[in-house]
Amino acid sequence: MSFAHGKRLGALDARQTQPRTLARARDALLRPSPTRLALRALSLALFIVLWQLASASRLNLGVVTFANVPAPTEVLDSALILARSGKLIPHLAASVIRVLSGFGVATLFGVGIGIAVARAKFAEDGFMPLLEILRPIPAVAWIPLAILMFPSAEGSMVFITFTGALFPILLNTIHGVTEIDRRLIASAQSLGATRRAILFEVILPGAAPAIVTGLAIGMGTSWFCLVTAEMISGQYGVGYYTWEAYTLQNYADIIVGMATIGLLGMISSFLVRKIGAALTPWSKPR
């Protein structure tokens, strides 16, 4: 049997060994039915209505009060003012560049180190102790060190978003590689596959669904860390806009910034999952 034929059999086995429940959940998320879409829209509308009522009536529940919370109508007015001011595009552009830069570097390091750690004991012993110490450190704690390490504020902000994305990508890559059936690798080796062929024809296709999940989570955490990153400096950026609104006590603007970050994070994570689904058709349920 030729190695090319073996690769085809290995790919078939890899497809058959993918977790069906994860694939079904991903497909349901990417292609929800019209009924589910309507239910989601209804839930958002209900949330906005309840928020409006609570703010308008200055609802006070004792533990939580809406006396000073801006109503959705106020937030919408602030969003329209921001859109008309000409500042929205520079804020969005600055934040998107920072997030994509940090996310891109985190993808290279997370996938590369994750594969090495999962495949080699010396890499696991060399990398994981340090990474496990660094992983629980919150993004805000990196600010002083980031300022000292990077000569430019831009580099510091990219670094903070990088730390947010790195560990979800790294851990999901390790999980994806370690879950590959060892018999597939042994079969490829028995057919004369080189290390490079095993990596690109067996390991990466088998681990791809888990890696895509890590990328989607990492993209979301990059946006999560954005406000922290843009606290360092900044004249532009959605996180900077949100923090500036807080210091000036423009409460409606704070919610505009929060909602913008949430929407951008949701859209970008969805795009990552969508691209990942297109690149890994073998992980879809039959």
Protein backbone atom coordinates (compact mmCIF):
# COMPACT_ATOMS: atom_id res chain seq x y z
CA MET A 1 0.00 0.00 0.00
CA SER A 2 1.38 3.41 -0.96
CA PHE A 3 1.72 6.16 1.58
CA ALA A 4 -0.64 8.35 -0.49
CA HIS A 5 -3.30 5.67 -0.18
CA GLY A 6 -2.48 5.35 3.50
CA LYS A 7 -2.94 9.09 3.94
CA ARG A 8 -6.42 8.84 2.47
CA LEU A 9 -7.28 6.00 4.85
CA GLY A 10 -5.81 7.96 7.75
CA ALA A 11 -7.85 11.02 6.86
CA LEU A 12 -10.97 8.84 6.68
CA ASP A 13 -10.22 7.37 10.10
CA ALA A 14 -9.56 10.86 11.48
CA ARG A 15 -12.93 12.01 10.21
CA GLN A 16 -14.62 9.05 11.82
CA THR A 17 -12.98 9.64 15.19
CA GLN A 18 -14.00 13.31 15.56
CA PRO A 19 -16.43 14.01 18.42
CA ARG A 20 -19.88 14.15 16.89
CA THR A 21 -21.45 16.17 19.66
CA LEU A 22 -18.89 18.99 19.25
CA ALA A 23 -19.43 19.06 15.50
CA ARG A 24 -23.21 19.13 15.85
CA ALA A 25 -23.02 21.95 18.36
CA ARG A 26 -20.76 23.92 16.06
CA ASP A 27 -23.05 23.40 13.08
CA ALA A 28 -26.07 24.47 15.14
CA LEU A 29 -24.19 27.62 16.15
CA LEU A 30 -23.13 28.45 12.61
CA ARG A 31 -26.43 27.58 10.91
CA PRO A 32 -29.30 28.04 13.39
CA SER A 33 -32.83 27.42 12.17
CA PRO A 34 -35.23 30.33 11.53
CA THR A 35 -37.09 29.42 14.71
CA ARG A 36 -33.93 29.65 16.77
CA LEU A 37 -32.97 32.92 15.11
CA ALA A 38 -36.38 34.35 15.97
CA LEU A 39 -36.03 33.16 19.57
CA ARG A 40 -32.62 34.79 19.86
CA ALA A 41 -33.92 38.07 18.46
CA LEU A 42 -36.86 37.91 20.84
CA SER A 43 -34.59 37.36 23.84
CA LEU A 44 -32.50 40.40 22.92
CA ALA A 45 -35.61 42.52 22.41
CA LEU A 46 -37.01 41.39 25.76
CA PHE A 47 -33.74 42.27 27.48
CA ILE A 48 -33.77 45.78 25.97
CA VAL A 49 -37.42 46.32 26.97
CA LEU A 50 -36.77 45.22 30.55
CA TRP A 51 -33.67 47.41 30.68
CA GLN A 52 -35.69 50.41 29.43
CA LEU A 53 -38.43 49.83 32.00
CA ALA A 54 -35.95 49.38 34.85
CA SER A 55 -34.04 52.55 33.95
CA ALA A 56 -37.14 54.66 33.33
CA SER A 57 -38.69 53.64 36.67
CA ARG A 58 -35.33 53.89 38.51
CA LEU A 59 -35.90 50.37 39.78
CA ASN A 60 -34.22 49.68 43.12
CA LEU A 61 -33.94 46.04 44.16
CA GLY A 62 -31.80 46.78 47.19
CA VAL A 63 -28.74 44.88 46.05
CA VAL A 64 -28.99 46.26 42.50
CA THR A 65 -30.33 49.66 41.51
CA PHE A 66 -31.01 51.14 38.08
CA ALA A 67 -31.35 54.71 39.37
CA ASN A 68 -28.18 55.87 37.59
CA VAL A 69 -28.12 53.38 34.72
CA PRO A 70 -28.71 55.02 31.30
CA ALA A 71 -31.71 53.76 29.39
CA PRO A 72 -31.29 52.13 25.96
CA THR A 73 -32.68 55.29 24.32
CA GLU A 74 -29.89 57.35 25.90
CA VAL A 75 -27.30 54.81 24.79
CA LEU A 76 -28.67 54.92 21.25
CA ASP A 77 -28.44 58.72 21.23
CA SER A 78 -24.81 58.53 22.38
CA ALA A 79 -24.04 55.94 19.71
CA LEU A 80 -25.51 58.17 17.00
CA ILE A 81 -23.50 61.15 18.26
CA LEU A 82 -20.31 59.06 18.15
CA ALA A 83 -21.09 57.83 14.63
CA ARG A 84 -21.72 61.38 13.40
CA SER A 85 -18.63 62.81 15.09
CA GLY A 86 -16.20 61.09 12.73
CA LYS A 87 -14.33 59.44 15.62
CA LEU A 88 -15.92 56.00 15.31
CA ILE A 89 -13.81 54.76 12.38
CA PRO A 90 -10.44 55.76 13.93
CA HIS A 91 -11.48 54.11 17.22
CA LEU A 92 -12.56 50.93 15.44
CA ALA A 93 -9.49 50.81 13.19
CA ALA A 94 -7.07 51.23 16.09
CA SER A 95 -8.74 48.50 18.15
CA VAL A 96 -9.10 46.03 15.28
CA ILE A 97 -5.42 46.38 14.34
CA ARG A 98 -4.32 45.83 17.93
CA VAL A 99 -6.54 42.80 18.43
CA LEU A 100 -5.64 41.18 15.12
CA SER A 101 -1.92 41.78 15.72
CA GLY A 102 -1.99 40.23 19.19
CA PHE A 103 -4.26 37.41 18.03
CA GLY A 104 -2.04 36.64 15.03
CA VAL A 105 1.12 36.37 17.13
CA ALA A 106 -0.74 34.32 19.75
CA THR A 107 -1.90 31.93 17.02
CA LEU A 108 1.66 31.31 15.85
CA PHE A 109 3.00 30.76 19.36
CA GLY A 110 -0.05 28.92 20.72
CA VAL A 111 -0.35 26.40 17.89
CA GLY A 112 3.41 25.92 17.53
CA ILE A 113 4.14 25.46 21.22
CA GLY A 114 0.96 23.44 21.71
CA ILE A 115 1.98 20.89 19.07
CA ALA A 116 5.52 20.70 20.46
CA VAL A 117 4.30 20.20 24.04
CA ALA A 118 1.82 17.51 23.02
CA ARG A 119 4.35 15.66 20.89
CA ALA A 120 7.60 15.90 22.86
CA LYS A 121 8.24 15.31 26.56
CA PHE A 122 11.23 17.66 26.63
CA ALA A 123 9.06 20.47 25.20
CA GLU A 124 6.41 19.78 27.83
CA ASP A 125 9.00 19.87 30.59
CA GLY A 126 10.61 22.99 29.16
CA PHE A 127 7.51 25.09 28.44
CA MET A 128 4.65 24.02 30.67
CA PRO A 129 5.99 24.94 34.15
CA LEU A 130 6.53 28.55 33.07
CA LEU A 131 3.28 28.71 31.10
CA GLU A 132 1.25 27.33 34.00
CA ILE A 133 2.69 30.06 36.24
CA LEU A 134 1.91 32.79 33.71
CA ARG A 135 -1.56 31.55 32.75
CA PRO A 136 -3.49 32.73 35.86
CA ILE A 137 -2.02 36.25 35.73
CA PRO A 138 -4.77 38.70 34.66
CA ALA A 139 -4.17 41.12 31.81
CA VAL A 140 -4.29 44.18 34.07
CA ALA A 141 -1.33 42.86 36.08
CA TRP A 142 0.82 42.88 32.92
CA ILE A 143 0.44 46.64 32.37
CA PRO A 144 3.49 47.86 34.38
CA LEU A 145 5.75 45.19 32.90
CA ALA A 146 4.43 45.79 29.38
CA ILE A 147 5.26 49.49 29.71
CA LEU A 148 8.80 48.60 30.80
CA MET A 149 9.36 45.94 28.12
CA PHE A 150 8.10 47.80 25.05
CA PRO A 151 9.42 51.18 23.93
CA SER A 152 6.11 52.09 22.30
CA ALA A 153 2.63 52.14 23.78
CA GLU A 154 1.34 50.37 20.67
CA GLY A 155 3.62 47.40 21.30
CA SER A 156 2.44 47.26 24.92
CA MET A 157 -1.21 47.17 23.89
CA VAL A 158 -0.61 44.43 21.32
CA PHE A 159 1.23 42.43 23.97
CA ILE A 160 -1.75 42.61 26.35
CA THR A 161 -4.14 41.31 23.69
CA PHE A 162 -1.56 38.62 22.87
CA THR A 163 -1.59 37.36 26.47
CA GLY A 164 -5.37 37.14 26.37
CA ALA A 165 -5.44 34.99 23.24
CA LEU A 166 -2.40 32.80 23.86
CA PHE A 167 -3.57 30.37 26.51
CA PRO A 168 -6.95 29.34 25.05
CA ILE A 169 -5.22 28.61 21.73
CA LEU A 170 -2.34 26.80 23.43
CA LEU A 171 -4.46 24.58 25.67
CA ASN A 172 -6.94 23.65 22.95
CA THR A 173 -4.08 22.77 20.61
CA ILE A 174 -2.53 20.51 23.24
CA HIS A 175 -5.90 18.88 23.85
CA GLY A 176 -6.54 18.37 20.14
CA VAL A 177 -3.15 16.80 19.47
CA THR A 178 -3.20 14.49 22.50
CA GLU A 179 -6.68 13.23 21.58
CA ILE A 180 -5.55 11.96 18.15
CA ASP A 181 -5.72 8.19 17.91
CA ARG A 182 -2.12 6.95 18.22
CA ARG A 183 -2.93 4.16 15.78
CA LEU A 184 -3.25 6.73 12.99
CA ILE A 185 0.27 7.98 13.64
CA ALA A 186 1.61 4.44 13.91
CA SER A 187 -0.07 3.52 10.61
CA ALA A 188 1.47 6.50 8.87
CA GLN A 189 4.90 5.62 10.25
CA SER A 190 4.56 2.02 9.09
CA LEU A 191 3.82 3.33 5.59
CA GLY A 192 7.06 5.30 5.58
CA ALA A 193 5.72 8.76 6.37
CA THR A 194 8.23 11.41 7.32
CA ARG A 195 7.85 13.62 10.39
CA ARG A 196 6.73 16.45 8.14
CA ALA A 197 4.10 14.28 6.45
CA ILE A 198 2.77 13.05 9.79
CA LEU A 199 2.51 16.61 11.04
CA PHE A 200 0.65 18.00 8.03
CA GLU A 201 -1.35 14.92 7.00
CA VAL A 202 -2.31 13.38 10.34
CA ILE A 203 -1.71 15.62 13.35
CA LEU A 204 -2.91 18.99 12.06
CA PRO A 205 -6.08 17.62 10.35
CA GLY A 206 -6.92 15.57 13.44
CA ALA A 207 -6.36 18.44 15.88
CA ALA A 208 -7.88 21.14 13.64
CA PRO A 209 -11.40 21.19 15.22
CA ALA A 210 -9.95 21.70 18.70
CA ILE A 211 -7.55 24.34 17.39
CA VAL A 212 -10.42 26.21 15.74
CA THR A 213 -12.30 26.18 19.06
CA GLY A 214 -9.23 27.61 20.76
CA LEU A 215 -8.92 30.29 18.10
CA ALA A 216 -12.55 31.35 18.56
CA ILE A 217 -12.13 31.55 22.34
CA GLY A 218 -8.79 33.34 21.93
CA MET A 219 -10.35 35.94 19.67
CA GLY A 220 -13.01 36.63 22.28
CA THR A 221 -10.47 36.98 25.10
CA SER A 222 -8.39 39.35 22.96
CA TRP A 223 -11.34 41.72 22.85
CA PHE A 224 -11.91 41.08 26.55
CA CYS A 225 -8.38 42.34 27.26
CA LEU A 226 -8.71 45.33 24.93
CA VAL A 227 -9.92 47.81 27.56
CA THR A 228 -7.02 46.79 29.78
CA ALA A 229 -4.59 47.19 26.89
CA GLU A 230 -5.86 50.61 25.90
CA MET A 231 -5.67 51.86 29.48
CA ILE A 232 -1.89 52.03 28.95
CA SER A 233 -2.05 54.85 26.51
CA GLY A 234 -4.03 55.83 23.61
CA GLN A 235 -5.66 58.48 21.70
CA TYR A 236 -7.88 56.08 19.79
CA GLY A 237 -9.49 52.72 20.34
CA VAL A 238 -12.84 51.40 21.55
CA GLY A 239 -11.33 50.40 24.89
CA TYR A 240 -9.76 53.83 25.27
CA TYR A 241 -13.08 55.46 24.40
CA THR A 242 -14.80 53.34 27.08
CA TRP A 243 -12.19 54.16 29.73
CA GLU A 244 -12.26 57.86 28.85
CA ALA A 245 -16.06 57.86 29.18
CA TYR A 246 -15.69 56.31 32.63
CA THR A 247 -13.21 58.97 33.80
CA LEU A 248 -15.52 61.70 32.49
CA GLN A 249 -18.58 59.96 33.98
CA ASN A 250 -20.36 59.79 30.62
CA TYR A 251 -22.32 56.70 31.54
CA ALA A 252 -24.17 56.27 28.27
CA ASP A 253 -20.85 56.40 26.39
CA ILE A 254 -19.49 53.66 28.64
CA ILE A 255 -22.29 51.35 27.55
CA VAL A 256 -21.73 52.33 23.91
CA GLY A 257 -18.11 51.25 24.23
CA MET A 258 -19.05 48.04 26.03
CA ALA A 259 -21.67 47.15 23.43
CA THR A 260 -19.24 47.90 20.59
CA ILE A 261 -16.59 45.63 22.07
CA GLY A 262 -19.20 42.91 22.60
CA LEU A 263 -20.43 43.13 19.01
CA LEU A 264 -16.92 43.15 17.57
CA GLY A 265 -15.93 40.18 19.71
CA MET A 266 -19.05 38.23 18.74
CA ILE A 267 -18.62 38.95 15.02
CA SER A 268 -14.90 38.16 14.94
CA SER A 269 -15.33 34.91 16.90
CA PHE A 270 -18.16 33.91 14.57
CA LEU A 271 -15.93 34.57 11.55
CA VAL A 272 -13.15 32.46 13.05
CA ARG A 273 -15.57 29.57 13.60
CA LYS A 274 -17.02 29.99 10.11
CA ILE A 275 -13.59 29.97 8.44
CA GLY A 276 -12.55 27.04 10.62
CA ALA A 277 -15.65 25.07 9.63
CA ALA A 278 -14.91 25.71 5.95
CA LEU A 279 -11.31 24.52 6.39
CA THR A 280 -12.26 21.39 8.36
CA PRO A 281 -15.16 19.79 6.45
CA TRP A 282 -14.24 16.34 7.73
CA SER A 283 -15.32 17.31 11.27
CA LYS A 284 -18.96 17.89 10.24
CA PRO A 285 -21.47 15.22 11.33
CA ARG A 286 -22.80 12.97 8.60
